[in-house]
């Protein structure tokens, strides 16, 4: 009986651990701009996907491999080695990719996605997968109550330089 209790306690601790199968979904949950994602292992085999039917996941994985192969060929003679992250603009959106020695994560995002945020999300999710701290999602601050009527005087008093609102 003690073993069963201990095993349940251990599995409860592991419930929040990110697995390769859930990684692509986790990325798409974090970013409203992410449409589809795929995670590849070090050998280039798909380990998880989200946003595409299972029958098309291999196509997305192959595209991610093609992108990083092209980047590796283009940067083979550069000091510091090939980049860990890529961004590719296409007609319908943007493709972002990030990799570690063990994993490659690629995402298809809306064209309006902010590059710095998408690349940060990719790094954060890969870090979480590799045993880093889970990404914490915050709740928005409560919206301030609306005032009955907006006036020029009220706006001038809210200005960081109030004298700019006075004639």
Protein backbone atom coordinates (compact mmCIF):
# COMPACT_ATOMS: atom_id res chain seq x y z
CA UNK A 1 0.00 0.00 0.00
CA UNK A 2 2.82 2.43 0.75
CA UNK A 3 4.28 1.90 -2.73
CA UNK A 4 0.95 2.80 -4.36
CA UNK A 5 0.70 5.98 -2.30
CA UNK A 6 4.30 6.96 -3.06
CA UNK A 7 3.85 6.25 -6.78
CA UNK A 8 0.74 8.42 -6.90
CA UNK A 9 2.60 11.23 -5.15
CA UNK A 10 5.48 10.96 -7.62
CA UNK A 11 3.19 10.94 -10.64
CA UNK A 12 1.36 13.98 -9.25
CA UNK A 13 4.68 15.85 -9.13
CA UNK A 14 5.39 14.84 -12.73
CA UNK A 15 1.98 15.96 -14.00
CA UNK A 16 3.27 19.43 -14.89
CA UNK A 17 6.40 18.14 -16.63
CA UNK A 18 6.54 18.98 -20.30
CA UNK A 19 6.87 15.96 -22.56
CA UNK A 20 8.01 15.93 -26.19
CA UNK A 21 4.49 14.97 -27.26
CA UNK A 22 3.03 18.08 -25.58
CA UNK A 23 5.74 20.58 -26.53
CA UNK A 24 4.26 21.78 -29.84
CA UNK A 25 0.85 22.20 -28.23
CA UNK A 26 2.42 24.11 -25.33
CA UNK A 27 4.03 26.57 -27.74
CA UNK A 28 0.73 27.14 -29.54
CA UNK A 29 -1.02 27.67 -26.19
CA UNK A 30 1.52 30.34 -25.23
CA UNK A 31 1.29 32.36 -28.40
CA UNK A 32 -1.94 33.52 -30.03
CA UNK A 33 0.05 34.02 -33.25
CA UNK A 34 1.20 30.40 -33.52
CA UNK A 35 -0.79 28.35 -36.04
CA UNK A 36 1.08 25.04 -36.15
CA UNK A 37 4.23 23.63 -34.59
CA UNK A 38 6.43 20.56 -34.77
CA UNK A 39 9.13 19.22 -32.45
CA UNK A 40 11.95 17.11 -33.89
CA UNK A 41 14.40 14.99 -31.94
CA UNK A 42 18.17 15.07 -32.53
CA UNK A 43 17.84 12.54 -35.36
CA UNK A 44 15.24 14.70 -37.11
CA UNK A 45 12.26 12.45 -36.33
CA UNK A 46 8.99 14.13 -35.32
CA UNK A 47 8.45 13.87 -31.57
CA UNK A 48 5.30 16.01 -31.35
CA UNK A 49 3.12 18.29 -33.42
CA UNK A 50 0.12 20.57 -33.10
CA UNK A 51 -2.12 22.49 -35.49
CA UNK A 52 -1.89 20.08 -38.41
CA UNK A 53 -3.58 16.73 -39.03
CA UNK A 54 -1.44 13.72 -38.18
CA UNK A 55 -1.29 12.85 -41.88
CA UNK A 56 0.42 16.22 -42.60
CA UNK A 57 2.75 16.30 -39.57
CA UNK A 58 5.49 14.59 -41.58
CA UNK A 59 5.32 17.37 -44.18
CA UNK A 60 5.76 20.04 -41.48
CA UNK A 61 8.65 18.08 -39.98
CA UNK A 62 10.33 17.78 -43.39
CA UNK A 63 9.98 21.52 -43.98
CA UNK A 64 11.62 22.23 -40.60
CA UNK A 65 14.51 19.90 -41.48
CA UNK A 66 14.91 21.56 -44.89
CA UNK A 67 15.06 25.01 -43.31
CA UNK A 68 17.77 24.07 -40.81
CA UNK A 69 19.74 22.11 -43.45
CA UNK A 70 19.80 25.23 -45.63
CA UNK A 71 20.87 27.38 -42.66
CA UNK A 72 23.63 24.91 -41.78
CA UNK A 73 24.95 24.89 -45.37
CA UNK A 74 24.89 28.68 -45.59
CA UNK A 75 26.72 29.15 -42.28
CA UNK A 76 29.18 26.24 -42.31
CA UNK A 77 32.25 28.47 -42.72
CA UNK A 78 31.17 31.18 -40.31
CA UNK A 79 32.83 31.47 -36.89
CA UNK A 80 30.61 30.35 -34.04
CA UNK A 81 28.78 27.77 -36.12
CA UNK A 82 25.28 27.88 -37.49
CA UNK A 83 22.59 29.91 -35.73
CA UNK A 84 20.30 28.31 -33.17
CA UNK A 85 17.28 30.27 -34.39
CA UNK A 86 15.77 31.15 -37.75
CA UNK A 87 13.00 33.39 -39.04
CA UNK A 88 11.63 33.05 -42.56
CA UNK A 89 9.02 35.38 -44.03
CA UNK A 90 6.62 33.72 -46.48
CA UNK A 91 3.53 35.01 -48.27
CA UNK A 92 1.03 33.70 -45.74
CA UNK A 93 2.98 34.17 -42.53
CA UNK A 94 6.30 33.55 -40.84
CA UNK A 95 8.19 30.40 -39.93
CA UNK A 96 10.34 30.46 -36.80
CA UNK A 97 12.66 27.76 -35.59
CA UNK A 98 14.89 27.21 -32.60
CA UNK A 99 17.11 24.30 -31.67
CA UNK A 100 19.23 22.81 -28.96
CA UNK A 101 21.60 19.86 -29.28
CA UNK A 102 18.66 17.54 -28.47
CA UNK A 103 15.61 19.22 -30.03
CA UNK A 104 14.43 21.37 -32.92
CA UNK A 105 11.15 23.26 -32.56
CA UNK A 106 9.55 25.02 -35.53
CA UNK A 107 6.35 27.04 -35.69
CA UNK A 108 4.25 28.59 -38.43
CA UNK A 109 2.89 31.92 -37.21
CA UNK A 110 0.77 34.78 -38.44
CA UNK A 111 2.62 37.39 -40.43
CA UNK A 112 1.98 40.03 -37.75
CA UNK A 113 3.72 37.99 -35.03
CA UNK A 114 6.49 39.84 -33.22
CA UNK A 115 9.77 38.08 -33.96
CA UNK A 116 11.35 38.76 -30.59
CA UNK A 117 8.35 37.31 -28.73
CA UNK A 118 8.03 34.23 -30.93
CA UNK A 119 11.73 33.45 -30.63
CA UNK A 120 11.58 34.01 -26.87
CA UNK A 121 8.60 31.61 -26.62
CA UNK A 122 10.49 29.00 -28.65
CA UNK A 123 13.53 29.25 -26.36
CA UNK A 124 11.36 29.17 -23.24
CA UNK A 125 9.43 26.08 -24.32
CA UNK A 126 12.63 24.26 -25.30
CA UNK A 127 14.12 25.24 -21.94
CA UNK A 128 11.07 23.88 -20.15
CA UNK A 129 11.30 20.64 -22.17
CA UNK A 130 14.93 20.23 -21.17
CA UNK A 131 14.08 20.44 -17.48
CA UNK A 132 14.06 24.18 -16.91
CA UNK A 133 11.52 25.99 -14.83
CA UNK A 134 7.95 25.83 -16.16
CA UNK A 135 6.74 28.94 -17.91
CA UNK A 136 4.41 30.85 -15.63
CA UNK A 137 1.37 32.48 -17.16
CA UNK A 138 0.06 35.50 -15.37
CA UNK A 139 -3.43 36.84 -15.18
CA UNK A 140 -4.09 40.34 -16.46
CA UNK A 141 -4.40 43.16 -13.99
CA UNK A 142 -7.91 44.30 -13.27
CA UNK A 143 -9.05 47.04 -15.63
CA UNK A 144 -9.54 50.38 -13.90
CA UNK A 145 -13.11 51.58 -13.59
CA UNK A 146 -14.15 53.91 -16.40
CA UNK A 147 -14.81 57.51 -15.52
CA UNK A 148 -18.19 58.99 -16.30
CA UNK A 149 -16.92 61.55 -18.80
CA UNK A 150 -13.53 62.32 -20.28
CA UNK A 151 -12.71 66.02 -20.39
CA UNK A 152 -9.76 68.09 -21.55
CA UNK A 153 -9.08 69.18 -17.97
CA UNK A 154 -9.05 65.60 -16.72
CA UNK A 155 -6.73 64.56 -19.54
CA UNK A 156 -4.36 67.45 -18.78
CA UNK A 157 -4.22 66.51 -15.11
CA UNK A 158 -3.27 62.92 -16.04
CA UNK A 159 -0.42 64.06 -18.26
CA UNK A 160 3.08 63.43 -16.92
CA UNK A 161 3.72 67.08 -17.78
CA UNK A 162 0.43 68.77 -16.74
CA UNK A 163 1.43 72.20 -18.01
CA UNK A 164 1.27 70.86 -21.60
CA UNK A 165 -2.50 70.58 -21.32
CA UNK A 166 -2.95 74.15 -20.06
CA UNK A 167 -3.14 77.16 -22.38
